[in-house]
C-alpha cells in the first residue's frame, strides 16, 4: 500500500504530530485509549532524536536523580542511538528461527563513544547495556575481537542462543513477551534455563511485565568448562 500526502518535509511532520497518537505497544493500546499522560510516561529521559516508533523501555526506570546517584558511585554514562522499529513487536511464528525475518533498524555509535567504551574495558571496567536496544546497536558495532567501532547505518541483528556476545558485559532490561525476539536475546545472554527460572519467579511473586513493568539485571551465562 502506498500513501500520498499533500504536505511534505517539516510540514508533514508537524501535521502528523498534531493528529497522530503515540504508537503504544499492542498489548497496551488494545486495552485502553492513548492518554495525554503517555506523552511523558512513555518517553525516557535519554530521548534526543526522532525516529523510533517505540520507547526503549529499560530507560523508563531512570531519572536525573538516579543518574546523579550512579555518577556519585563512579558510574559513567555513554549514549548511543537505535531507532526502534515496529518489527520489535512481532512474535516469532517460524519453528526455525533462521526463517524469521528481522526488520532493519537505524543505529549509531559515534567514534568518540566507541573510544571511551574501549578504554573503559581496557581498564577492566564493564559495559552495562540499558536495554536490549542499546545492546543490539553495541553488538552491531562490535568487531570480532570485541572492540567497538564507530557505527552508523541499518542493522537487522537477530540474537538467539548460541550467539557470542562481544561488546556487552551486563544487561539491564524489562521482562519481555514470550516467543519474542527479545526473550530469545535475553536467553542467549543469561541462558534459557536461567531465564525460565527468572520468569517463573516473576510470575509467582507478581512482577509487572512489558513496557511499564519491572526490570532485572542480567549477567552472562557461565561458559562450560
N, C-alpha and C. Protein backbone atom coordinates (compact mmCIF):
# COMPACT_ATOMS: atom_id res chain seq x y z
N UNK A 1 0.85 -1.19 0.00
CA UNK A 1 0.00 0.00 0.00
C UNK A 1 0.88 1.24 0.00
N UNK A 2 0.54 2.21 -0.82
CA UNK A 2 1.26 3.47 -0.85
C UNK A 2 0.31 4.62 -0.51
N UNK A 3 0.80 5.56 0.27
CA UNK A 3 0.01 6.72 0.66
C UNK A 3 0.64 7.98 0.09
N UNK A 4 -0.19 8.89 -0.39
CA UNK A 4 0.28 10.17 -0.90
C UNK A 4 -0.26 11.28 0.00
N UNK A 5 0.62 12.21 0.38
CA UNK A 5 0.23 13.30 1.26
C UNK A 5 0.36 14.62 0.52
N UNK A 6 -0.48 15.56 0.90
CA UNK A 6 -0.44 16.89 0.29
C UNK A 6 0.63 17.77 0.93
N UNK A 7 1.24 17.28 2.01
CA UNK A 7 2.32 18.00 2.68
C UNK A 7 3.60 17.18 2.60
N UNK A 8 4.71 17.85 2.86
CA UNK A 8 5.98 17.13 2.86
C UNK A 8 6.95 17.82 3.82
N UNK A 9 8.04 17.11 4.13
CA UNK A 9 9.07 17.68 4.98
C UNK A 9 8.56 18.02 6.37
N UNK A 10 9.04 19.14 6.94
CA UNK A 10 8.64 19.52 8.30
C UNK A 10 7.15 19.80 8.43
N UNK A 11 6.49 20.20 7.34
CA UNK A 11 5.05 20.46 7.39
C UNK A 11 4.29 19.16 7.64
N UNK A 12 4.72 18.08 6.98
CA UNK A 12 4.10 16.78 7.20
C UNK A 12 4.36 16.29 8.61
N UNK A 13 5.60 16.48 9.09
CA UNK A 13 5.92 16.07 10.46
C UNK A 13 5.04 16.79 11.47
N UNK A 14 4.83 18.08 11.24
CA UNK A 14 4.00 18.86 12.16
C UNK A 14 2.55 18.39 12.14
N UNK A 15 2.04 18.08 10.94
CA UNK A 15 0.66 17.61 10.83
C UNK A 15 0.47 16.26 11.52
N UNK A 16 1.44 15.37 11.33
CA UNK A 16 1.36 14.06 11.99
C UNK A 16 1.41 14.22 13.50
N UNK A 17 2.23 15.15 13.96
CA UNK A 17 2.34 15.39 15.40
C UNK A 17 1.02 15.91 15.97
N UNK A 18 0.29 16.68 15.18
CA UNK A 18 -0.98 17.25 15.65
C UNK A 18 -2.09 16.21 15.69
N UNK A 19 -2.22 15.41 14.63
CA UNK A 19 -3.36 14.49 14.52
C UNK A 19 -3.03 13.07 14.96
N UNK A 20 -1.75 12.75 15.10
CA UNK A 20 -1.37 11.38 15.41
C UNK A 20 -1.41 11.07 16.90
N UNK A 21 -1.36 9.80 17.22
CA UNK A 21 -1.28 9.32 18.59
C UNK A 21 0.06 8.63 18.81
N UNK A 22 0.46 8.56 20.06
CA UNK A 22 1.68 7.85 20.40
C UNK A 22 1.50 6.37 20.06
N UNK A 23 2.45 5.77 19.33
CA UNK A 23 2.31 4.36 18.95
C UNK A 23 2.65 3.42 20.11
N UNK A 24 1.70 3.31 21.03
CA UNK A 24 1.92 2.41 22.17
C UNK A 24 1.98 0.96 21.70
N UNK A 25 2.68 0.10 22.41
CA UNK A 25 2.72 -1.32 22.05
C UNK A 25 1.31 -1.91 22.00
N UNK A 26 1.10 -2.91 21.16
CA UNK A 26 -0.24 -3.51 21.02
C UNK A 26 -0.84 -4.00 22.33
N UNK A 27 0.00 -4.52 23.23
CA UNK A 27 -0.53 -5.06 24.48
C UNK A 27 -0.98 -3.96 25.44
N UNK A 28 -0.67 -2.70 25.14
CA UNK A 28 -1.22 -1.57 25.89
C UNK A 28 -2.37 -0.95 25.12
N UNK A 29 -2.14 -0.68 23.84
CA UNK A 29 -3.14 0.01 23.02
C UNK A 29 -4.43 -0.79 22.85
N UNK A 30 -4.33 -2.12 22.92
CA UNK A 30 -5.53 -2.94 22.75
C UNK A 30 -6.42 -2.93 23.99
N UNK A 31 -5.91 -2.41 25.11
CA UNK A 31 -6.67 -2.45 26.36
C UNK A 31 -7.24 -1.09 26.75
N UNK A 32 -6.64 -0.01 26.22
CA UNK A 32 -7.13 1.31 26.59
C UNK A 32 -6.71 2.31 25.53
N UNK A 33 -7.36 3.45 25.56
CA UNK A 33 -7.01 4.51 24.61
C UNK A 33 -5.74 5.22 25.06
N UNK A 34 -5.06 5.83 24.11
CA UNK A 34 -3.88 6.63 24.42
C UNK A 34 -4.31 7.84 25.24
N UNK A 35 -3.56 8.16 26.28
CA UNK A 35 -3.88 9.31 27.12
C UNK A 35 -2.77 10.36 27.01
N UNK A 36 -3.08 11.57 27.45
CA UNK A 36 -2.08 12.64 27.42
C UNK A 36 -0.88 12.29 28.31
N UNK A 37 -1.12 11.54 29.36
CA UNK A 37 -0.04 11.17 30.27
C UNK A 37 1.02 10.32 29.58
N UNK A 38 0.62 9.60 28.53
CA UNK A 38 1.57 8.75 27.83
C UNK A 38 2.68 9.56 27.17
N UNK A 39 2.41 10.81 26.85
CA UNK A 39 3.43 11.66 26.22
C UNK A 39 4.66 11.79 27.10
N UNK A 40 4.43 11.77 28.42
CA UNK A 40 5.55 11.85 29.36
C UNK A 40 5.98 10.48 29.85
N UNK A 41 5.02 9.64 30.19
CA UNK A 41 5.36 8.36 30.82
C UNK A 41 5.96 7.37 29.83
N UNK A 42 5.58 7.47 28.54
CA UNK A 42 6.15 6.55 27.54
C UNK A 42 7.27 7.27 26.79
N UNK A 43 8.20 7.82 27.54
CA UNK A 43 9.34 8.53 26.98
C UNK A 43 10.46 8.49 28.01
N UNK A 44 11.67 8.19 27.58
CA UNK A 44 12.78 8.12 28.52
C UNK A 44 13.48 9.47 28.63
N UNK A 45 14.23 9.65 29.69
CA UNK A 45 14.98 10.89 29.90
C UNK A 45 16.15 11.02 28.92
N UNK A 46 16.46 9.94 28.20
CA UNK A 46 17.58 9.97 27.27
C UNK A 46 17.18 10.38 25.86
N UNK A 47 15.88 10.49 25.60
CA UNK A 47 15.41 10.75 24.23
C UNK A 47 15.94 12.08 23.71
N UNK A 48 16.50 12.04 22.50
CA UNK A 48 17.04 13.25 21.89
C UNK A 48 16.63 13.40 20.42
N UNK A 49 16.55 12.28 19.71
CA UNK A 49 16.36 12.34 18.26
C UNK A 49 15.11 11.58 17.85
N UNK A 50 14.34 12.15 16.94
CA UNK A 50 13.13 11.49 16.46
C UNK A 50 13.51 10.35 15.52
N UNK A 51 12.67 9.32 15.50
CA UNK A 51 12.91 8.23 14.57
C UNK A 51 12.38 6.89 15.04
N UNK A 52 12.31 6.66 16.36
CA UNK A 52 11.83 5.38 16.88
C UNK A 52 10.30 5.37 16.94
N UNK A 53 9.73 4.18 16.77
CA UNK A 53 8.28 4.03 16.91
C UNK A 53 7.92 3.46 18.27
N UNK A 54 8.91 3.21 19.10
CA UNK A 54 8.66 2.69 20.45
C UNK A 54 9.77 3.17 21.36
N UNK A 55 9.44 3.32 22.63
CA UNK A 55 10.45 3.72 23.60
C UNK A 55 11.33 2.52 23.97
N UNK A 56 12.63 2.74 24.14
CA UNK A 56 13.49 1.69 24.71
C UNK A 56 13.21 1.63 26.21
N UNK A 57 12.29 0.77 26.60
CA UNK A 57 11.61 0.90 27.89
C UNK A 57 12.48 0.64 29.11
N UNK A 58 13.64 0.02 28.96
CA UNK A 58 14.51 -0.12 30.13
C UNK A 58 14.91 1.26 30.66
N UNK A 59 14.98 2.23 29.76
CA UNK A 59 15.35 3.58 30.16
C UNK A 59 14.28 4.29 30.96
N UNK A 60 13.04 3.78 30.95
CA UNK A 60 11.96 4.42 31.70
C UNK A 60 12.21 4.38 33.21
N UNK A 61 13.07 3.48 33.66
CA UNK A 61 13.33 3.35 35.09
C UNK A 61 14.29 4.42 35.60
N UNK A 62 14.91 5.16 34.70
CA UNK A 62 15.95 6.10 35.11
C UNK A 62 15.42 7.53 35.20
N UNK A 63 15.91 8.23 36.22
CA UNK A 63 15.56 9.62 36.46
C UNK A 63 16.85 10.41 36.63
N UNK A 64 16.80 11.75 36.51
CA UNK A 64 18.01 12.54 36.77
C UNK A 64 18.60 12.28 38.14
N UNK A 65 17.75 12.10 39.16
CA UNK A 65 18.24 11.82 40.50
C UNK A 65 18.99 10.50 40.58
N UNK A 66 18.46 9.48 39.92
CA UNK A 66 19.13 8.18 39.91
C UNK A 66 20.47 8.28 39.18
N UNK A 67 20.51 9.02 38.09
CA UNK A 67 21.76 9.17 37.35
C UNK A 67 22.81 9.88 38.21
N UNK A 68 22.38 10.87 38.97
CA UNK A 68 23.32 11.56 39.86
C UNK A 68 23.88 10.60 40.91
N UNK A 69 23.02 9.75 41.43
CA UNK A 69 23.47 8.77 42.44
C UNK A 69 24.46 7.79 41.83
N UNK A 70 24.21 7.36 40.60
CA UNK A 70 25.14 6.45 39.93
C UNK A 70 26.48 7.13 39.66
N UNK A 71 26.41 8.37 39.20
CA UNK A 71 27.64 9.11 38.93
C UNK A 71 28.46 9.31 40.20
N UNK A 72 27.78 9.49 41.33
CA UNK A 72 28.47 9.64 42.60
C UNK A 72 29.21 8.37 43.00
N UNK A 73 28.75 7.24 42.46
CA UNK A 73 29.40 5.95 42.72
C UNK A 73 30.48 5.63 41.69
N UNK A 74 30.73 6.58 40.79
CA UNK A 74 31.78 6.38 39.80
C UNK A 74 31.31 5.75 38.50
N UNK A 75 30.00 5.61 38.32
CA UNK A 75 29.46 5.06 37.08
C UNK A 75 29.39 6.16 36.03
N UNK A 76 29.96 5.93 34.88
CA UNK A 76 29.91 6.90 33.80
C UNK A 76 28.86 6.48 32.77
N UNK A 77 28.38 7.43 32.00
CA UNK A 77 27.31 7.17 31.04
C UNK A 77 27.75 7.54 29.64
N UNK A 78 27.42 6.68 28.70
CA UNK A 78 27.61 6.97 27.28
C UNK A 78 26.28 6.71 26.57
N UNK A 79 26.00 7.46 25.53
CA UNK A 79 24.73 7.30 24.83
C UNK A 79 24.96 6.85 23.39
N UNK A 80 24.07 5.99 22.94
CA UNK A 80 24.05 5.51 21.56
C UNK A 80 22.63 5.69 21.03
N UNK A 81 22.44 5.47 19.75
CA UNK A 81 21.11 5.64 19.15
C UNK A 81 20.71 4.37 18.41
N UNK A 82 19.47 3.94 18.63
CA UNK A 82 18.85 2.92 17.79
C UNK A 82 17.38 3.29 17.66
N UNK A 83 16.94 3.52 16.44
CA UNK A 83 15.54 3.85 16.20
C UNK A 83 14.72 2.56 16.17
N UNK A 84 14.07 2.26 17.28
CA UNK A 84 13.29 1.02 17.39
C UNK A 84 12.20 1.01 16.33
N UNK A 85 12.10 -0.12 15.62
CA UNK A 85 11.10 -0.26 14.57
C UNK A 85 9.90 -1.06 15.03
N UNK A 86 8.85 -1.05 14.21
CA UNK A 86 7.62 -1.77 14.56
C UNK A 86 7.86 -3.27 14.64
N UNK A 87 8.88 -3.76 13.97
CA UNK A 87 9.16 -5.19 13.98
C UNK A 87 9.52 -5.73 15.34
N UNK A 88 9.87 -4.85 16.28
CA UNK A 88 10.21 -5.31 17.62
C UNK A 88 9.02 -5.96 18.32
N UNK A 89 7.79 -5.66 17.87
CA UNK A 89 6.59 -6.23 18.49
C UNK A 89 6.15 -7.55 17.85
N UNK A 90 6.79 -7.93 16.75
CA UNK A 90 6.33 -9.11 16.02
C UNK A 90 6.76 -10.39 16.73
N UNK A 91 5.83 -11.31 17.01
CA UNK A 91 6.21 -12.59 17.60
C UNK A 91 6.91 -13.45 16.56
N UNK A 92 7.69 -14.40 17.02
CA UNK A 92 8.35 -15.34 16.11
C UNK A 92 7.40 -16.50 15.88
N UNK A 93 6.91 -16.63 14.65
CA UNK A 93 5.95 -17.68 14.33
C UNK A 93 6.61 -18.89 13.68
N UNK A 94 7.81 -18.69 13.13
CA UNK A 94 8.51 -19.79 12.48
C UNK A 94 9.06 -20.76 13.52
N UNK A 95 8.99 -22.05 13.23
CA UNK A 95 9.54 -23.05 14.15
C UNK A 95 11.06 -22.98 14.16
N UNK A 96 11.65 -22.65 13.00
CA UNK A 96 13.10 -22.49 12.89
C UNK A 96 13.39 -21.00 12.88
N UNK A 97 14.16 -20.52 13.87
CA UNK A 97 14.42 -19.08 13.97
C UNK A 97 15.16 -18.54 12.75
N UNK A 98 15.84 -19.42 12.02
CA UNK A 98 16.55 -18.98 10.81
C UNK A 98 15.57 -18.48 9.76
N UNK A 99 14.30 -18.85 9.88
CA UNK A 99 13.29 -18.44 8.91
C UNK A 99 12.58 -17.15 9.31
N UNK A 100 12.90 -16.63 10.49
CA UNK A 100 12.28 -15.37 10.93
C UNK A 100 13.05 -14.19 10.37
N UNK A 101 12.35 -13.28 9.73
CA UNK A 101 13.00 -12.11 9.12
C UNK A 101 12.92 -10.93 10.07
N UNK A 102 14.07 -10.42 10.45
CA UNK A 102 14.13 -9.25 11.31
C UNK A 102 14.02 -7.98 10.47
N UNK A 103 13.25 -7.01 10.94
CA UNK A 103 13.19 -5.71 10.29
C UNK A 103 14.44 -4.93 10.66
N UNK A 104 15.01 -4.24 9.69
CA UNK A 104 16.20 -3.47 9.98
C UNK A 104 15.85 -2.18 10.73
N UNK A 105 16.77 -1.73 11.56
CA UNK A 105 16.61 -0.51 12.34
C UNK A 105 17.87 0.33 12.20
N UNK A 106 17.72 1.64 12.24
CA UNK A 106 18.88 2.52 12.07
C UNK A 106 19.51 2.80 13.42
N UNK A 107 20.83 2.69 13.47
CA UNK A 107 21.54 2.94 14.72
C UNK A 107 22.82 3.70 14.49
N UNK A 108 23.37 4.21 15.61
CA UNK A 108 24.61 4.96 15.51
C UNK A 108 25.39 4.88 16.82
N UNK A 109 26.68 4.63 16.69
CA UNK A 109 27.64 4.73 17.80
C UNK A 109 28.75 5.65 17.30
N UNK A 110 28.95 6.77 17.95
CA UNK A 110 29.96 7.72 17.48
C UNK A 110 31.36 7.18 17.76
N UNK A 111 32.34 7.69 17.02
CA UNK A 111 33.72 7.27 17.22
C UNK A 111 34.20 7.62 18.63
N UNK A 112 33.75 8.77 19.14
CA UNK A 112 34.16 9.19 20.48
C UNK A 112 33.62 8.24 21.55
N UNK A 113 32.35 7.86 21.41
CA UNK A 113 31.75 6.92 22.37
C UNK A 113 32.45 5.57 22.28
N UNK A 114 32.71 5.10 21.06
CA UNK A 114 33.39 3.81 20.88
C UNK A 114 34.76 3.83 21.55
N UNK A 115 35.50 4.92 21.39
CA UNK A 115 36.83 5.02 22.00
C UNK A 115 36.75 4.98 23.52
N UNK A 116 35.77 5.70 24.08
CA UNK A 116 35.66 5.73 25.55
C UNK A 116 35.22 4.37 26.10
N UNK A 117 34.35 3.67 25.40
CA UNK A 117 33.92 2.35 25.85
C UNK A 117 35.07 1.36 25.77
N UNK A 118 35.85 1.42 24.70
CA UNK A 118 37.01 0.53 24.58
C UNK A 118 38.03 0.81 25.67
N UNK A 119 38.23 2.09 25.97
CA UNK A 119 39.18 2.46 27.02
C UNK A 119 38.71 1.97 28.38
N UNK A 120 37.40 2.06 28.64
CA UNK A 120 36.85 1.59 29.92
C UNK A 120 37.08 0.09 30.07
N UNK A 121 36.85 -0.65 29.02
CA UNK A 121 37.06 -2.10 29.08
C UNK A 121 38.53 -2.44 29.27
N UNK A 122 39.39 -1.66 28.63
CA UNK A 122 40.83 -1.89 28.77
C UNK A 122 41.28 -1.69 30.22
N UNK A 123 40.56 -0.83 30.95
CA UNK A 123 40.87 -0.60 32.37
C UNK A 123 40.27 -1.69 33.27
N UNK A 124 39.54 -2.61 32.69
CA UNK A 124 38.92 -3.66 33.48
C UNK A 124 37.50 -3.37 33.91
N UNK A 125 36.92 -2.28 33.42
CA UNK A 125 35.54 -1.94 33.75
C UNK A 125 34.57 -2.71 32.85
N UNK A 126 33.32 -2.74 33.26
CA UNK A 126 32.30 -3.46 32.50
C UNK A 126 31.37 -2.50 31.77
N UNK A 127 30.88 -2.95 30.63
CA UNK A 127 29.88 -2.19 29.87
C UNK A 127 28.51 -2.77 30.20
N UNK A 128 27.64 -1.93 30.75
CA UNK A 128 26.28 -2.34 31.11
C UNK A 128 25.33 -1.71 30.10
N UNK A 129 24.64 -2.53 29.33
CA UNK A 129 23.67 -2.03 28.35
C UNK A 129 22.34 -1.79 29.06
N UNK A 130 21.81 -0.58 28.91
CA UNK A 130 20.49 -0.28 29.47
C UNK A 130 19.46 -0.61 28.39
N UNK A 131 19.02 -1.85 28.41
CA UNK A 131 18.01 -2.30 27.47
C UNK A 131 18.57 -3.08 26.30
N UNK A 132 17.72 -3.90 25.73
CA UNK A 132 18.11 -4.68 24.55
C UNK A 132 18.38 -3.78 23.36
N UNK A 133 17.77 -2.58 23.35
CA UNK A 133 18.02 -1.64 22.26
C UNK A 133 19.48 -1.23 22.23
N UNK A 134 20.01 -0.80 23.39
CA UNK A 134 21.42 -0.42 23.47
C UNK A 134 22.32 -1.60 23.17
N UNK A 135 21.94 -2.77 23.67
CA UNK A 135 22.75 -3.96 23.42
C UNK A 135 22.83 -4.27 21.93
N UNK A 136 21.71 -4.19 21.22
CA UNK A 136 21.71 -4.55 19.80
C UNK A 136 22.60 -3.63 18.98
N UNK A 137 22.58 -2.33 19.28
CA UNK A 137 23.40 -1.43 18.48
C UNK A 137 24.88 -1.59 18.84
N UNK A 138 25.18 -1.86 20.12
CA UNK A 138 26.57 -2.07 20.50
C UNK A 138 27.13 -3.36 19.89
N UNK A 139 26.33 -4.41 19.88
CA UNK A 139 26.78 -5.65 19.26
C UNK A 139 26.90 -5.49 17.74
N UNK A 140 26.08 -4.64 17.15
CA UNK A 140 26.19 -4.37 15.72
C UNK A 140 27.49 -3.64 15.39
N UNK A 141 27.97 -2.86 16.37
CA UNK A 141 29.18 -2.06 16.16
C UNK A 141 30.44 -2.82 16.55
N UNK A 142 30.31 -3.96 17.20
CA UNK A 142 31.47 -4.68 17.72
C UNK A 142 32.17 -5.48 16.64
N UNK A 143 33.49 -5.49 16.71
CA UNK A 143 34.30 -6.31 15.81
C UNK A 143 34.47 -7.71 16.40
N UNK A 144 35.08 -8.58 15.63
CA UNK A 144 35.26 -9.96 16.07
C UNK A 144 36.12 -10.05 17.32
N UNK A 145 37.06 -9.09 17.49
CA UNK A 145 37.94 -9.13 18.66
C UNK A 145 37.32 -8.48 19.89
N UNK A 146 36.07 -8.00 19.79
CA UNK A 146 35.37 -7.40 20.92
C UNK A 146 35.48 -5.90 20.99
N UNK A 147 36.35 -5.29 20.20
CA UNK A 147 36.45 -3.84 20.19
C UNK A 147 35.24 -3.24 19.49
N UNK A 148 34.79 -2.11 20.01
CA UNK A 148 33.64 -1.41 19.45
C UNK A 148 34.14 -0.36 18.46
N UNK A 149 33.56 -0.36 17.28
CA UNK A 149 33.95 0.59 16.25
C UNK A 149 32.84 1.61 16.05
N UNK A 150 33.17 2.72 15.45
CA UNK A 150 32.13 3.69 15.08
C UNK A 150 31.15 3.00 14.13
N UNK A 151 29.87 3.31 14.32
CA UNK A 151 28.83 2.63 13.51
C UNK A 151 27.73 3.62 13.19
N UNK A 152 27.26 3.59 11.97
CA UNK A 152 26.12 4.40 11.56
C UNK A 152 25.47 3.72 10.36
N UNK A 153 24.23 3.26 10.55
CA UNK A 153 23.55 2.59 9.45
C UNK A 153 22.48 1.63 9.94
N UNK A 154 22.02 0.80 9.04
CA UNK A 154 20.95 -0.15 9.35
C UNK A 154 21.52 -1.42 9.96
N UNK A 155 20.77 -2.00 10.89
CA UNK A 155 21.13 -3.30 11.45
C UNK A 155 19.89 -4.17 11.56
N UNK A 156 20.03 -5.43 11.22
CA UNK A 156 18.94 -6.40 11.41
C UNK A 156 19.43 -7.55 12.27
N UNK A 157 20.33 -7.24 13.20
CA UNK A 157 20.92 -8.26 14.05
C UNK A 157 19.83 -9.04 14.79
N UNK A 158 19.94 -10.36 14.79
CA UNK A 158 18.98 -11.25 15.43
C UNK A 158 19.78 -12.15 16.37
N UNK A 159 19.66 -11.92 17.65
CA UNK A 159 20.47 -12.62 18.65
C UNK A 159 19.66 -13.75 19.26
N UNK A 160 20.13 -14.97 19.07
CA UNK A 160 19.48 -16.16 19.60
C UNK A 160 20.51 -16.98 20.37
N UNK A 161 20.06 -17.95 21.19
CA UNK A 161 21.01 -18.76 21.94
C UNK A 161 22.10 -19.34 21.05
N UNK A 162 23.33 -19.25 21.52
CA UNK A 162 24.48 -19.65 20.74
C UNK A 162 25.29 -18.47 20.26
N UNK A 163 24.70 -17.28 20.31
CA UNK A 163 25.40 -16.06 19.90
C UNK A 163 26.53 -15.75 20.88
N UNK A 164 27.68 -15.30 20.37
CA UNK A 164 28.81 -14.92 21.22
C UNK A 164 28.82 -13.41 21.39
N UNK A 165 28.52 -12.95 22.59
CA UNK A 165 28.47 -11.51 22.85
C UNK A 165 29.89 -10.95 22.89
N UNK A 166 30.05 -9.79 22.26
CA UNK A 166 31.38 -9.21 22.13
C UNK A 166 31.51 -7.86 22.82
N UNK A 167 30.42 -7.11 22.95
CA UNK A 167 30.52 -5.72 23.40
C UNK A 167 29.92 -5.45 24.77
N UNK A 168 29.04 -6.30 25.24
CA UNK A 168 28.26 -6.01 26.46
C UNK A 168 28.55 -7.05 27.53
N UNK A 169 28.76 -6.56 28.76
CA UNK A 169 29.09 -7.43 29.89
C UNK A 169 27.91 -7.69 30.81
N UNK A 170 27.01 -6.72 30.95
CA UNK A 170 25.84 -6.83 31.84
C UNK A 170 24.66 -6.18 31.12
N UNK A 171 23.47 -6.71 31.35
CA UNK A 171 22.27 -6.19 30.68
C UNK A 171 21.19 -5.86 31.70
N UNK A 172 20.67 -4.64 31.62
CA UNK A 172 19.52 -4.19 32.43
C UNK A 172 18.33 -4.11 31.49
N UNK A 173 17.26 -4.87 31.78
CA UNK A 173 16.16 -4.92 30.83
C UNK A 173 14.85 -5.27 31.53
N UNK A 174 13.74 -5.03 30.84
CA UNK A 174 12.42 -5.39 31.35
C UNK A 174 12.13 -6.87 31.06
N UNK A 175 10.98 -7.34 31.51
CA UNK A 175 10.53 -8.69 31.19
C UNK A 175 9.75 -8.66 29.88
N UNK A 176 10.12 -9.53 28.96
CA UNK A 176 9.61 -9.45 27.59
C UNK A 176 8.55 -10.50 27.29
N UNK A 177 7.86 -10.28 26.19
CA UNK A 177 6.83 -11.21 25.75
C UNK A 177 7.42 -12.58 25.41
N UNK A 178 6.68 -13.66 25.73
CA UNK A 178 7.14 -14.98 25.31
C UNK A 178 7.13 -15.09 23.79
N UNK A 179 7.99 -15.94 23.26
CA UNK A 179 8.13 -16.18 21.82
C UNK A 179 8.54 -14.92 21.05
N UNK A 180 9.09 -13.95 21.75
CA UNK A 180 9.55 -12.73 21.09
C UNK A 180 11.05 -12.82 20.83
N UNK A 181 11.53 -12.01 19.89
CA UNK A 181 12.96 -11.97 19.62
C UNK A 181 13.73 -11.47 20.84
N UNK A 182 13.09 -10.64 21.66
CA UNK A 182 13.78 -10.10 22.83
C UNK A 182 13.95 -11.16 23.93
N UNK A 183 12.97 -12.05 24.06
CA UNK A 183 13.15 -13.14 25.03
C UNK A 183 14.26 -14.07 24.55
N UNK A 184 14.36 -14.27 23.24
CA UNK A 184 15.46 -15.08 22.70
C UNK A 184 16.79 -14.42 23.00
N UNK A 185 16.82 -13.10 22.91
CA UNK A 185 18.06 -12.36 23.17
C UNK A 185 18.50 -12.55 24.63
N UNK A 186 17.59 -12.35 25.58
CA UNK A 186 17.98 -12.49 26.99
C UNK A 186 18.33 -13.93 27.31
N UNK A 187 17.70 -14.89 26.63
CA UNK A 187 18.04 -16.30 26.83
C UNK A 187 19.43 -16.59 26.30
N UNK A 188 19.79 -15.92 25.21
CA UNK A 188 21.15 -16.06 24.67
C UNK A 188 22.17 -15.47 25.63
N UNK A 189 21.78 -14.39 26.32
CA UNK A 189 22.71 -13.69 27.19
C UNK A 189 22.92 -14.43 28.51
N UNK A 190 21.84 -14.82 29.17
CA UNK A 190 21.93 -15.41 30.51
C UNK A 190 21.64 -16.90 30.55
N UNK A 191 21.26 -17.48 29.42
CA UNK A 191 20.93 -18.90 29.39
C UNK A 191 19.44 -19.14 29.49
N UNK A 192 18.92 -20.06 28.69
CA UNK A 192 17.49 -20.33 28.67
C UNK A 192 16.98 -20.81 30.02
N UNK A 193 17.70 -21.72 30.66
CA UNK A 193 17.24 -22.25 31.95
C UNK A 193 17.16 -21.15 33.00
N UNK A 194 18.14 -20.27 33.02
CA UNK A 194 18.15 -19.19 34.00
C UNK A 194 16.98 -18.23 33.75
N UNK A 195 16.69 -17.94 32.50
CA UNK A 195 15.59 -17.02 32.19
C UNK A 195 14.24 -17.67 32.50
N UNK A 196 14.10 -18.95 32.24
CA UNK A 196 12.84 -19.63 32.57
C UNK A 196 12.60 -19.59 34.08
N UNK A 197 13.64 -19.80 34.86
CA UNK A 197 13.50 -19.72 36.33
C UNK A 197 13.18 -18.29 36.77
N UNK A 198 13.82 -17.32 36.13
CA UNK A 198 13.57 -15.92 36.47
C UNK A 198 12.12 -15.55 36.18
N UNK A 199 11.58 -16.01 35.06
CA UNK A 199 10.21 -15.69 34.69
C UNK A 199 9.21 -16.42 35.60
N UNK A 200 9.54 -17.63 36.00
CA UNK A 200 8.67 -18.34 36.95
C UNK A 200 8.60 -17.56 38.26
N UNK A 201 9.74 -17.09 38.72
CA UNK A 201 9.78 -16.30 39.96
C UNK A 201 8.99 -15.00 39.79
N UNK A 202 9.15 -14.34 38.65
CA UNK A 202 8.45 -13.08 38.41
C UNK A 202 6.93 -13.27 38.41
N UNK A 203 6.48 -14.34 37.79
CA UNK A 203 5.04 -14.61 37.74
C UNK A 203 4.51 -14.97 39.13
N UNK A 204 5.25 -15.79 39.85
CA UNK A 204 4.81 -16.25 41.17
C UNK A 204 4.74 -15.12 42.18
N UNK A 205 5.59 -14.12 42.02
CA UNK A 205 5.66 -13.04 43.01
C UNK A 205 5.01 -11.75 42.53
N UNK A 206 4.38 -11.78 41.36
CA UNK A 206 3.59 -10.63 40.91
C UNK A 206 4.36 -9.51 40.28
N UNK A 207 5.49 -9.81 39.65
CA UNK A 207 6.21 -8.76 38.92
C UNK A 207 5.35 -8.27 37.77
N UNK A 208 5.58 -7.03 37.37
CA UNK A 208 4.89 -6.48 36.21
C UNK A 208 5.75 -6.69 34.96
N UNK A 209 5.09 -7.04 33.87
CA UNK A 209 5.81 -7.36 32.64
C UNK A 209 5.68 -6.20 31.64
N UNK A 210 6.50 -6.28 30.60
CA UNK A 210 6.42 -5.44 29.39
C UNK A 210 6.80 -3.98 29.64
N UNK A 211 6.28 -3.07 28.84
CA UNK A 211 6.79 -1.70 28.77
C UNK A 211 6.76 -0.95 30.10
N UNK A 212 5.64 -1.00 30.82
CA UNK A 212 5.53 -0.27 32.08
C UNK A 212 5.82 -1.18 33.27
N UNK A 213 6.54 -2.26 33.04
CA UNK A 213 6.76 -3.24 34.08
C UNK A 213 8.07 -3.10 34.81
N UNK A 214 8.42 -4.16 35.52
CA UNK A 214 9.63 -4.18 36.33
C UNK A 214 10.84 -4.56 35.47
N UNK A 215 12.01 -4.35 36.04
CA UNK A 215 13.24 -4.63 35.32
C UNK A 215 14.09 -5.64 36.08
N UNK A 216 15.09 -6.17 35.40
CA UNK A 216 16.01 -7.10 36.02
C UNK A 216 17.42 -6.82 35.51
N UNK A 217 18.41 -7.20 36.29
CA UNK A 217 19.82 -7.04 35.93
C UNK A 217 20.36 -8.43 35.60
N UNK A 218 20.80 -8.60 34.38
CA UNK A 218 21.21 -9.92 33.90
C UNK A 218 22.72 -9.98 33.69
N UNK A 219 23.26 -11.12 34.06
CA UNK A 219 24.70 -11.38 33.87
C UNK A 219 24.86 -12.54 32.88
N UNK A 220 25.99 -12.61 32.23
CA UNK A 220 26.17 -13.67 31.21
C UNK A 220 26.09 -15.06 31.79
N UNK A 221 25.61 -15.96 30.98
CA UNK A 221 25.59 -17.36 31.40
C UNK A 221 27.03 -17.84 31.57
N UNK A 222 27.22 -18.72 32.57
CA UNK A 222 28.55 -19.27 32.77
C UNK A 222 28.92 -20.16 31.58
N UNK A 223 30.13 -19.95 31.11
CA UNK A 223 30.59 -20.75 29.97
C UNK A 223 30.98 -22.14 30.45
N UNK A 224 30.65 -23.17 29.66
CA UNK A 224 31.01 -24.52 30.06
C UNK A 224 32.53 -24.68 30.11
N UNK A 225 32.96 -25.53 31.03
CA UNK A 225 34.42 -25.77 31.17
C UNK A 225 34.96 -26.46 29.91
